[in-house]
């Protein structure tokens, strides 16, 4: 629990994030209300903006139902999935490298990586943390199978690998398949590929994947005609066409990000440890296969022109494992070359450096991430007003935007508080304003326009946001 504190520290404090988390939170809220586990909706209408399979949304809806509507409930599946990844590292470090200590070191590396313990991965209600869990699940089972192949584990492992691939798909569509070429390469280089593809359990596992993934697509198309056409455009064509020019990035995008933020400061330790592990470690043959797997994954996600800065996060657990092997072996080699009394001091210094500094760094990053985006202020202020004032009056949230998705964050809080008995509506035009209601305005341009037409009484405020009561209109 102490090791994992970057995953859960202040997890529910930050209001729902705009764009993806807000969209998923609304999908989950509607699912909680209507019980439809397949067709995602928003405001009761069929939501084809999010065409990913609904597994993570189902988990979020269950948490909202069980624990109440809150930011923490939306993010709980991500938290549990991230802790699950840590458990997988602990279990398979012992299975693959015969040392449980390597697993503990890998956990420290992983949870203190800014690129992992961040919004959109481990610390928000997005799809990526659950995706990472299932990718890590089937990847580590695959590594154990290729390095320690025997007939006793063939049946169970191939079944679990197939199940992991299927649920990775159900978590975030085609992204769940991207590590497979790297695993294929690993099985080929370890001379276990023929044994795998000639096993009847391989075909049983493949049938599970095809049935679950293909079955979902057919069912979704049946329930919502035109779904497959949208999926082909948004999920598959992006590998070959630039379908989102506003997200076009250079081939080196992810690699540059490592040195700018997401693997800092760890990368300056991890790269030497990876090099040491691949060339001097007693596990160097295994580590070379694992590194090739990482290279394969990075090349695959770097090829499309459309890139987003969290797409490389599924490889971070494997990075942490590689670095942990190098650290453990180099650390033990160092202790063998110094006397016992000196080794105690070395232990103390390394533990202090290795634990305290990364955790301090991630602590600062988490606190910095509490800052609000411009499109998160209405929902955050609405929450403050409801909690502190418990108003009996109706509340109108007045905001204006070109994109309907920009309203999703405020819409989530509107749904939450309406379900609790309050009366909140979103307004985006002057004719919709009801002068008897309290009015929340955060956009300066809108507030200026209101002040031109109305006399106002400011009831509460927070930075740019104002809670106002409209008085009779100004006379010309």
Protein backbone atom coordinates (compact mmCIF):
# COMPACT_ATOMS: atom_id res chain seq x y z
CA UNK A 1 0.00 0.00 0.00
CA UNK A 2 2.82 2.41 0.84
CA UNK A 3 4.63 1.63 -2.42
CA UNK A 4 1.51 2.35 -4.44
CA UNK A 5 0.63 5.73 -2.92
CA UNK A 6 1.30 7.67 -6.19
CA UNK A 7 -1.62 5.67 -7.61
CA UNK A 8 -4.23 6.56 -4.98
CA UNK A 9 -2.98 9.77 -3.32
CA UNK A 10 -5.65 12.50 -3.82
CA UNK A 11 -7.20 10.33 -6.53
CA UNK A 12 -10.72 11.68 -6.06
CA UNK A 13 -9.79 15.31 -5.40
CA UNK A 14 -9.44 16.57 -8.96
CA UNK A 15 -12.75 17.17 -10.77
CA UNK A 16 -13.56 15.01 -13.77
CA UNK A 17 -11.17 15.78 -16.64
CA UNK A 18 -12.44 17.24 -19.88
CA UNK A 19 -12.67 15.18 -23.05
CA UNK A 20 -12.12 11.44 -22.60
CA UNK A 21 -12.71 10.98 -18.87
CA UNK A 22 -15.77 13.22 -19.00
CA UNK A 23 -17.16 11.30 -21.97
CA UNK A 24 -16.59 7.93 -20.26
CA UNK A 25 -18.05 9.21 -16.98
CA UNK A 26 -21.25 10.26 -18.76
CA UNK A 27 -21.42 6.92 -20.55
CA UNK A 28 -21.02 5.13 -17.22
CA UNK A 29 -23.62 7.32 -15.50
CA UNK A 30 -26.16 6.59 -18.24
CA UNK A 31 -25.32 2.88 -18.10
CA UNK A 32 -25.88 2.98 -14.35
CA UNK A 33 -29.32 4.45 -14.99
CA UNK A 34 -30.52 2.45 -18.00
CA UNK A 35 -28.71 -0.88 -17.50
CA UNK A 36 -27.70 -1.11 -21.18
CA UNK A 37 -24.28 -2.82 -21.10
CA UNK A 38 -23.60 -2.77 -24.85
CA UNK A 39 -24.80 0.46 -26.48
CA UNK A 40 -23.18 3.52 -24.90
CA UNK A 41 -25.32 6.62 -24.47
CA UNK A 42 -24.93 10.23 -23.38
CA UNK A 43 -27.96 12.27 -22.35
CA UNK A 44 -30.05 9.25 -23.33
CA UNK A 45 -28.93 9.33 -26.97
CA UNK A 46 -26.76 6.79 -28.79
CA UNK A 47 -23.16 7.97 -28.26
CA UNK A 48 -20.99 7.16 -31.28
CA UNK A 49 -18.23 9.58 -30.28
CA UNK A 50 -16.86 6.79 -28.09
CA UNK A 51 -16.87 3.60 -30.18
CA UNK A 52 -14.52 1.61 -27.94
CA UNK A 53 -15.92 -1.65 -26.47
CA UNK A 54 -17.72 -1.03 -23.17
CA UNK A 55 -15.84 -3.23 -20.67
CA UNK A 56 -14.22 -0.34 -18.74
CA UNK A 57 -17.47 1.65 -18.84
CA UNK A 58 -19.26 -1.38 -17.33
CA UNK A 59 -16.72 -1.44 -14.50
CA UNK A 60 -17.20 2.30 -13.94
CA UNK A 61 -20.99 1.97 -13.96
CA UNK A 62 -20.75 -0.82 -11.40
CA UNK A 63 -18.55 1.36 -9.16
CA UNK A 64 -20.95 4.30 -9.51
CA UNK A 65 -23.81 2.02 -8.51
CA UNK A 66 -21.95 0.42 -5.61
CA UNK A 67 -20.05 3.39 -4.16
CA UNK A 68 -22.06 6.37 -5.35
CA UNK A 69 -21.48 8.95 -8.07
CA UNK A 70 -18.07 10.52 -7.50
CA UNK A 71 -14.73 11.12 -9.15
CA UNK A 72 -13.20 8.32 -7.10
CA UNK A 73 -15.82 5.83 -8.31
CA UNK A 74 -15.12 6.78 -11.94
CA UNK A 75 -11.38 6.25 -11.35
CA UNK A 76 -11.57 3.15 -9.16
CA UNK A 77 -11.27 0.65 -12.06
CA UNK A 78 -8.06 2.42 -13.14
CA UNK A 79 -6.70 2.27 -9.59
CA UNK A 80 -7.48 -1.44 -9.20
CA UNK A 81 -6.05 -2.22 -12.64
CA UNK A 82 -2.83 -0.32 -11.82
CA UNK A 83 -2.44 -2.18 -8.52
CA UNK A 84 -3.12 -5.37 -10.48
CA UNK A 85 -0.21 -4.54 -12.79
CA UNK A 86 2.04 -4.21 -9.73
CA UNK A 87 0.90 -7.63 -8.49
CA UNK A 88 1.62 -9.15 -11.91
CA UNK A 89 5.16 -7.73 -11.83
CA UNK A 90 5.69 -9.22 -8.38
CA UNK A 91 4.40 -12.66 -9.37
CA UNK A 92 6.18 -12.95 -12.71
CA UNK A 93 9.48 -11.52 -11.53
CA UNK A 94 9.73 -14.64 -9.40
CA UNK A 95 8.43 -16.94 -12.15
CA UNK A 96 10.65 -15.63 -14.94
CA UNK A 97 13.73 -14.39 -13.08
CA UNK A 98 13.45 -16.47 -9.88
CA UNK A 99 13.69 -13.42 -7.61
CA UNK A 100 10.74 -11.82 -5.85
CA UNK A 101 12.92 -8.82 -4.97
CA UNK A 102 13.06 -7.90 -8.66
CA UNK A 103 9.28 -7.54 -8.58
CA UNK A 104 9.37 -5.10 -5.67
CA UNK A 105 12.02 -3.01 -7.41
CA UNK A 106 9.99 -3.03 -10.64
CA UNK A 107 6.94 -1.77 -8.72
CA UNK A 108 8.91 1.19 -7.33
CA UNK A 109 10.18 2.01 -10.82
CA UNK A 110 6.69 1.78 -12.33
CA UNK A 111 4.58 3.71 -9.82
CA UNK A 112 7.07 6.59 -9.71
CA UNK A 113 7.21 6.97 -13.50
CA UNK A 114 5.51 10.29 -14.33
CA UNK A 115 4.21 8.68 -17.53
CA UNK A 116 2.38 5.98 -15.58
CA UNK A 117 1.12 7.71 -12.42
CA UNK A 118 -0.54 10.44 -14.43
CA UNK A 119 -3.85 11.62 -15.80
CA UNK A 120 -5.08 9.46 -18.68
CA UNK A 121 -3.24 6.40 -17.39
CA UNK A 122 -3.27 5.28 -13.75
CA UNK A 123 -4.86 8.38 -12.21
CA UNK A 124 -8.02 9.02 -14.21
CA UNK A 125 -11.13 7.24 -15.37
CA UNK A 126 -9.84 6.54 -18.86
CA UNK A 127 -9.50 3.18 -20.60
CA UNK A 128 -5.72 2.90 -20.56
CA UNK A 129 -5.03 1.51 -17.07
CA UNK A 130 -7.36 -1.45 -17.61
CA UNK A 131 -5.87 -1.94 -21.09
CA UNK A 132 -2.36 -1.95 -19.55
CA UNK A 133 -3.43 -4.55 -17.00
CA UNK A 134 -4.64 -7.02 -19.63
CA UNK A 135 -1.69 -6.34 -21.97
CA UNK A 136 0.73 -6.88 -19.07
CA UNK A 137 -1.27 -9.98 -18.08
CA UNK A 138 -1.01 -11.76 -21.42
CA UNK A 139 2.50 -10.44 -22.12
CA UNK A 140 4.00 -11.79 -18.88
CA UNK A 141 2.22 -15.12 -19.30
CA UNK A 142 3.70 -15.25 -22.83
CA UNK A 143 7.22 -14.49 -21.55
CA UNK A 144 6.92 -17.21 -18.92
CA UNK A 145 5.68 -19.66 -21.55
CA UNK A 146 8.47 -18.92 -24.03
CA UNK A 147 11.23 -18.99 -21.36
CA UNK A 148 9.92 -21.95 -19.35
CA UNK A 149 7.93 -23.94 -21.89
CA UNK A 150 6.52 -27.26 -20.73
CA UNK A 151 3.43 -29.29 -21.50
CA UNK A 152 2.05 -28.80 -17.99
CA UNK A 153 1.56 -25.07 -18.38
CA UNK A 154 0.85 -25.05 -22.13
CA UNK A 155 -2.92 -25.60 -21.84
CA UNK A 156 -3.59 -23.17 -19.02
CA UNK A 157 -1.21 -20.50 -20.26
CA UNK A 158 -2.54 -20.45 -23.81
CA UNK A 159 -6.09 -20.22 -22.50
CA UNK A 160 -5.16 -17.31 -20.17
CA UNK A 161 -3.20 -15.55 -22.92
CA UNK A 162 -6.22 -15.78 -25.21
CA UNK A 163 -8.51 -14.49 -22.49
CA UNK A 164 -6.11 -11.61 -21.78
CA UNK A 165 -5.99 -10.63 -25.46
CA UNK A 166 -9.80 -10.70 -25.69
CA UNK A 167 -10.25 -8.52 -22.62
CA UNK A 168 -7.53 -6.13 -23.78
CA UNK A 169 -9.63 -5.69 -26.92
CA UNK A 170 -12.80 -5.20 -24.86
CA UNK A 171 -10.95 -2.54 -22.87
CA UNK A 172 -9.71 -0.42 -25.77
CA UNK A 173 -10.35 -2.06 -29.10
CA UNK A 174 -7.45 -2.62 -31.52
CA UNK A 175 -4.92 -1.22 -29.03
CA UNK A 176 -5.15 -4.56 -27.25
CA UNK A 177 -3.57 -6.33 -30.25
CA UNK A 178 -0.51 -4.09 -30.76
CA UNK A 179 1.96 -6.10 -28.60
CA UNK A 180 1.26 -9.34 -30.50
CA UNK A 181 3.94 -8.94 -33.22
CA UNK A 182 6.60 -8.49 -30.51
CA UNK A 183 5.41 -11.66 -28.74
CA UNK A 184 5.40 -13.55 -32.05
CA UNK A 185 9.03 -12.48 -32.53
CA UNK A 186 9.86 -13.65 -29.01
CA UNK A 187 8.35 -17.10 -29.51
CA UNK A 188 10.22 -17.42 -32.81
CA UNK A 189 13.59 -16.42 -31.34
CA UNK A 190 13.18 -18.79 -28.38
CA UNK A 191 12.30 -21.68 -30.73
CA UNK A 192 8.91 -22.16 -29.09
CA UNK A 193 6.76 -20.78 -31.91
CA UNK A 194 6.31 -24.14 -33.65
CA UNK A 195 5.29 -25.81 -30.40
CA UNK A 196 2.73 -23.07 -29.75
CA UNK A 197 1.09 -22.98 -33.18
CA UNK A 198 0.92 -26.77 -33.44
CA UNK A 199 -0.83 -27.06 -30.08
CA UNK A 200 -4.57 -27.63 -30.21
CA UNK A 201 -4.88 -25.24 -27.25
CA UNK A 202 -3.51 -22.46 -29.44
CA UNK A 203 -6.47 -22.87 -31.79
CA UNK A 204 -8.88 -23.09 -28.88
CA UNK A 205 -7.42 -19.84 -27.53
CA UNK A 206 -7.67 -18.22 -30.98
CA UNK A 207 -11.31 -19.29 -31.20
CA UNK A 208 -11.99 -17.56 -27.87
CA UNK A 209 -10.44 -14.33 -29.16
CA UNK A 210 -12.33 -14.42 -32.48
CA UNK A 211 -15.63 -15.28 -30.82
CA UNK A 212 -15.44 -12.55 -28.18
CA UNK A 213 -14.07 -9.79 -30.42
CA UNK A 214 -16.03 -10.66 -33.56
CA UNK A 215 -19.16 -11.37 -31.53
CA UNK A 216 -19.01 -7.96 -29.90
CA UNK A 217 -18.66 -6.18 -33.25
CA UNK A 218 -21.59 -8.09 -34.78
CA UNK A 219 -23.82 -7.51 -31.75
CA UNK A 220 -22.98 -3.80 -31.63
CA UNK A 221 -23.67 -3.38 -35.34
CA UNK A 222 -26.97 -5.22 -34.93
CA UNK A 223 -28.03 -2.95 -32.07
CA UNK A 224 -26.71 0.24 -33.69
CA UNK A 225 -26.53 0.20 -37.48
CA UNK A 226 -23.51 2.04 -38.90
CA UNK A 227 -21.31 1.31 -35.91
CA UNK A 228 -18.79 -0.80 -37.87
CA UNK A 229 -18.31 1.91 -40.48
CA UNK A 230 -17.37 4.41 -37.78
CA UNK A 231 -15.06 1.86 -36.10
CA UNK A 232 -13.23 1.14 -39.35
CA UNK A 233 -12.65 4.86 -39.82
CA UNK A 234 -11.62 5.84 -36.29
CA UNK A 235 -9.89 2.66 -35.07
CA UNK A 236 -8.28 1.00 -38.09
CA UNK A 237 -7.77 3.62 -40.81
CA UNK A 238 -5.67 5.73 -38.42
CA UNK A 239 -2.79 3.28 -38.97
CA UNK A 240 -2.64 4.15 -42.64
CA UNK A 241 -4.24 7.57 -42.98
CA UNK A 242 -3.98 10.85 -41.10
CA UNK A 243 -7.60 10.98 -39.91
CA UNK A 244 -6.86 13.56 -37.19
CA UNK A 245 -4.40 16.17 -38.54
CA UNK A 246 -4.57 18.05 -35.21
CA UNK A 247 -2.88 15.02 -33.57
CA UNK A 248 -0.20 14.53 -36.24
CA UNK A 249 3.24 14.03 -34.69
CA UNK A 250 6.77 13.17 -35.81
CA UNK A 251 8.02 9.55 -35.71
CA UNK A 252 10.21 10.43 -32.71
CA UNK A 253 7.28 11.83 -30.69
CA UNK A 254 7.22 9.18 -27.92
CA UNK A 255 11.00 9.00 -27.61
CA UNK A 256 11.27 12.76 -27.17
CA UNK A 257 8.52 12.68 -24.55
CA UNK A 258 10.55 10.22 -22.45
CA UNK A 259 13.35 12.76 -22.07
CA UNK A 260 11.08 15.76 -21.59
CA UNK A 261 8.71 14.44 -18.95
CA UNK A 262 7.28 10.93 -18.85
CA UNK A 263 10.39 8.93 -17.95
CA UNK A 264 12.25 11.72 -16.13
CA UNK A 265 14.40 11.27 -14.05
CA UNK A 266 14.20 7.48 -14.30
CA UNK A 267 15.38 7.18 -17.88
CA UNK A 268 18.93 8.22 -16.97
CA UNK A 269 19.03 5.25 -14.59
CA UNK A 270 16.91 2.85 -16.63
CA UNK A 271 18.90 3.02 -19.88
CA UNK A 272 22.25 2.05 -18.25
CA UNK A 273 20.46 -0.68 -16.27
CA UNK A 274 18.86 -2.05 -19.45
CA UNK A 275 22.22 -2.04 -21.24
CA UNK A 276 23.88 -3.78 -18.30
CA UNK A 277 21.08 -6.34 -18.12
CA UNK A 278 21.17 -7.14 -21.84
CA UNK A 279 24.95 -7.58 -22.07
CA UNK A 280 26.27 -8.56 -18.64
CA UNK A 281 23.39 -10.02 -16.65
CA UNK A 282 23.00 -13.75 -16.14
CA UNK A 283 19.47 -13.19 -17.55
CA UNK A 284 20.79 -11.37 -20.62
CA UNK A 285 19.26 -13.80 -23.15
CA UNK A 286 15.81 -13.35 -21.65
CA UNK A 287 16.21 -9.59 -21.38
CA UNK A 288 17.22 -9.27 -25.03
CA UNK A 289 13.95 -10.92 -26.04
CA UNK A 290 12.01 -8.61 -23.73
CA UNK A 291 13.79 -5.54 -25.12
CA UNK A 292 12.99 -6.63 -28.69
CA UNK A 293 9.36 -6.90 -27.63
CA UNK A 294 9.51 -3.27 -26.43
CA UNK A 295 11.20 -2.12 -29.63
CA UNK A 296 8.52 -3.85 -31.71
CA UNK A 297 5.75 -2.16 -29.77
CA UNK A 298 7.35 1.27 -30.01
CA UNK A 299 7.89 0.95 -33.77
CA UNK A 300 4.28 -0.08 -34.29
CA UNK A 301 2.82 2.88 -32.39
CA UNK A 302 5.35 5.31 -33.90
CA UNK A 303 4.45 4.47 -37.52
CA UNK A 304 0.97 6.11 -37.72
CA UNK A 305 0.96 9.88 -38.08
CA UNK A 306 -1.74 10.20 -35.40
CA UNK A 307 -0.13 9.98 -31.96
CA UNK A 308 -1.24 10.80 -28.43
CA UNK A 309 1.20 10.99 -25.57
CA UNK A 310 -0.20 8.10 -23.51
CA UNK A 311 -0.16 5.48 -26.29
CA UNK A 312 3.27 4.24 -25.18
CA UNK A 313 2.18 3.59 -21.57
CA UNK A 314 1.43 -0.16 -22.03
CA UNK A 315 5.16 -0.78 -22.39
CA UNK A 316 6.09 0.93 -19.11
CA UNK A 317 5.57 -2.14 -16.87
CA UNK A 318 7.98 -4.10 -19.06
CA UNK A 319 10.47 -1.22 -18.97
CA UNK A 320 10.26 -1.30 -15.18
CA UNK A 321 10.85 -5.06 -15.11
CA UNK A 322 13.93 -4.86 -17.35
CA UNK A 323 15.42 -2.05 -15.29
CA UNK A 324 14.65 -3.92 -12.06
CA UNK A 325 16.58 -6.99 -13.23
CA UNK A 326 19.62 -4.86 -14.08
CA UNK A 327 19.38 -2.96 -10.80
CA UNK A 328 19.06 -6.11 -8.68
CA UNK A 329 22.00 -7.89 -10.29
CA UNK A 330 24.25 -4.83 -10.35
CA UNK A 331 23.36 -4.03 -6.74
CA UNK A 332 24.21 -7.53 -5.56
CA UNK A 333 27.44 -7.51 -7.56
CA UNK A 334 28.43 -4.27 -5.83
CA UNK A 335 27.78 -5.74 -2.39
CA UNK A 336 30.00 -8.73 -3.15
CA UNK A 337 32.96 -6.41 -3.73
CA UNK A 338 32.78 -4.45 -0.49
CA UNK A 339 33.08 -5.52 3.11
CA UNK A 340 30.05 -6.20 5.28
CA UNK A 341 30.20 -3.00 7.34
CA UNK A 342 30.43 -0.82 4.25
CA UNK A 343 27.58 -2.74 2.61
CA UNK A 344 25.16 -1.58 5.32
CA UNK A 345 25.93 2.04 4.45
CA UNK A 346 25.55 1.27 0.74
CA UNK A 347 22.16 -0.32 1.47
CA UNK A 348 21.00 2.74 3.37
CA UNK A 349 22.14 5.22 0.74
CA UNK A 350 20.67 3.28 -2.17
CA UNK A 351 17.31 2.79 -0.45
CA UNK A 352 17.17 6.49 0.38
CA UNK A 353 18.08 7.58 -3.15
CA UNK A 354 16.01 4.96 -4.90
CA UNK A 355 12.84 5.47 -2.84
CA UNK A 356 12.65 8.99 -1.47
CA UNK A 357 13.60 11.06 -4.52
CA UNK A 358 11.29 9.40 -7.07
CA UNK A 359 8.36 9.51 -4.64
CA UNK A 360 9.05 13.17 -3.89
CA UNK A 361 9.10 13.91 -7.62
CA UNK A 362 5.80 12.16 -8.26
CA UNK A 363 4.28 13.91 -5.23
CA UNK A 364 5.07 17.28 -6.84
CA UNK A 365 3.65 16.16 -10.19
CA UNK A 366 0.39 14.98 -8.61
CA UNK A 367 -0.04 18.26 -6.77
CA UNK A 368 0.64 20.20 -9.96
CA UNK A 369 -1.99 18.13 -11.78
CA UNK A 370 -4.66 19.49 -9.43
CA UNK A 371 -4.77 22.63 -11.61
CA UNK A 372 -7.96 22.99 -13.65
CA UNK A 373 -8.33 23.13 -17.40
CA UNK A 374 -10.47 25.99 -18.71
CA UNK A 375 -13.26 23.56 -19.61
CA UNK A 376 -13.25 21.95 -16.14
CA UNK A 377 -14.10 25.09 -14.17
CA UNK A 378 -17.91 25.07 -14.53
CA UNK A 379 -18.25 21.54 -13.17
CA UNK A 380 -15.75 22.16 -10.36
CA UNK A 381 -17.49 25.38 -9.31
CA UNK A 382 -20.93 23.75 -9.50
CA UNK A 383 -19.66 21.05 -7.14
CA UNK A 384 -18.34 23.68 -4.72
CA UNK A 385 -21.63 25.60 -4.77
CA UNK A 386 -23.74 22.49 -4.13
CA UNK A 387 -21.54 21.14 -1.35
CA UNK A 388 -21.07 24.44 0.47
CA UNK A 389 -24.44 26.14 -0.06
CA UNK A 390 -26.92 23.30 -0.71
CA UNK A 391 -29.12 25.73 -2.65
CA UNK A 392 -32.87 25.21 -2.93
CA UNK A 393 -33.11 27.43 -6.03
CA UNK A 394 -32.70 26.14 -9.56
CA UNK A 395 -29.19 26.60 -11.00
CA UNK A 396 -28.35 27.34 -14.63
CA UNK A 397 -24.78 26.68 -15.78
CA UNK A 398 -24.16 29.12 -18.62
CA UNK A 399 -21.36 28.21 -21.03
CA UNK A 400 -20.79 28.37 -24.76
CA UNK A 401 -18.60 26.20 -27.00
CA UNK A 402 -18.33 25.01 -30.60
CA UNK A 403 -17.86 21.35 -29.59
CA UNK A 404 -20.65 19.47 -27.88
CA UNK A 405 -18.06 17.35 -26.04
CA UNK A 406 -16.86 20.47 -24.21
CA UNK A 407 -20.06 20.35 -22.16
CA UNK A 408 -19.46 16.78 -20.94
CA UNK A 409 -17.58 17.67 -17.76
CA UNK A 410 -20.27 20.07 -16.55
CA UNK A 411 -22.94 17.66 -17.79
CA UNK A 412 -21.60 14.88 -15.55
CA UNK A 413 -21.96 17.08 -12.46
CA UNK A 414 -25.40 18.21 -13.63
CA UNK A 415 -26.52 14.57 -13.79
CA UNK A 416 -24.91 13.77 -10.44
CA UNK A 417 -26.58 16.59 -8.55
CA UNK A 418 -29.94 16.25 -10.28
CA UNK A 419 -29.95 12.61 -9.18
CA UNK A 420 -29.39 13.88 -5.62
CA UNK A 421 -32.47 16.12 -5.77
CA UNK A 422 -31.02 19.44 -6.92
CA UNK A 423 -32.19 21.27 -10.04
CA UNK A 424 -29.37 22.05 -12.47
CA UNK A 425 -29.55 22.79 -16.20
CA UNK A 426 -26.95 23.64 -18.83
CA UNK A 427 -27.62 26.76 -20.92
CA UNK A 428 -25.64 27.97 -23.91
CA UNK A 429 -27.70 30.91 -25.18
CA UNK A 430 -29.25 34.05 -23.65
CA UNK A 431 -32.87 33.16 -24.54
CA UNK A 432 -32.53 30.01 -22.41
CA UNK A 433 -31.59 31.89 -19.23
CA UNK A 434 -34.28 31.95 -16.54
CA UNK A 435 -33.88 35.13 -14.52
CA UNK A 436 -35.35 33.60 -11.35
CA UNK A 437 -32.59 30.98 -11.20
CA UNK A 438 -29.08 31.20 -9.83
CA UNK A 439 -26.56 31.40 -12.66
CA UNK A 440 -23.03 29.98 -12.86
CA UNK A 441 -20.73 31.69 -15.36
CA UNK A 442 -16.98 31.06 -15.77
CA UNK A 443 -16.32 32.46 -19.24
CA UNK A 444 -15.33 36.13 -19.08
CA UNK A 445 -16.95 37.00 -22.40
CA UNK A 446 -20.30 35.63 -21.25
CA UNK A 447 -20.05 37.43 -17.91
CA UNK A 448 -19.34 40.71 -19.72
CA UNK A 449 -22.39 40.20 -21.94
CA UNK A 450 -24.58 39.50 -18.91
CA UNK A 451 -23.35 42.64 -17.18
CA UNK A 452 -24.30 44.67 -20.25
CA UNK A 453 -27.89 43.41 -20.24
CA UNK A 454 -28.60 42.77 -16.56
CA UNK A 455 -27.96 44.10 -13.11
CA UNK A 456 -26.35 41.26 -11.17
CA UNK A 457 -25.77 40.26 -7.58
CA UNK A 458 -22.67 38.10 -7.06
CA UNK A 459 -23.57 35.39 -4.52
CA UNK A 460 -20.30 33.42 -4.64
CA UNK A 461 -17.12 33.27 -6.70
CA UNK A 462 -14.01 31.20 -7.32
CA UNK A 463 -11.33 32.66 -9.59
CA UNK A 464 -13.07 33.37 -12.93
CA UNK A 465 -16.30 31.62 -11.91
CA UNK A 466 -19.25 33.57 -10.53
CA UNK A 467 -22.53 32.49 -8.97
CA UNK A 468 -24.89 35.34 -9.69
CA UNK A 469 -28.49 36.31 -9.19
CA UNK A 470 -29.92 38.24 -12.12
CA UNK A 471 -31.74 41.42 -11.21
CA UNK A 472 -34.14 43.26 -13.54
CA UNK A 473 -32.60 44.06 -16.95
CA UNK A 474 -30.90 47.39 -17.44
CA UNK A 475 -32.99 50.02 -19.16
CA UNK A 476 -31.74 51.53 -22.41
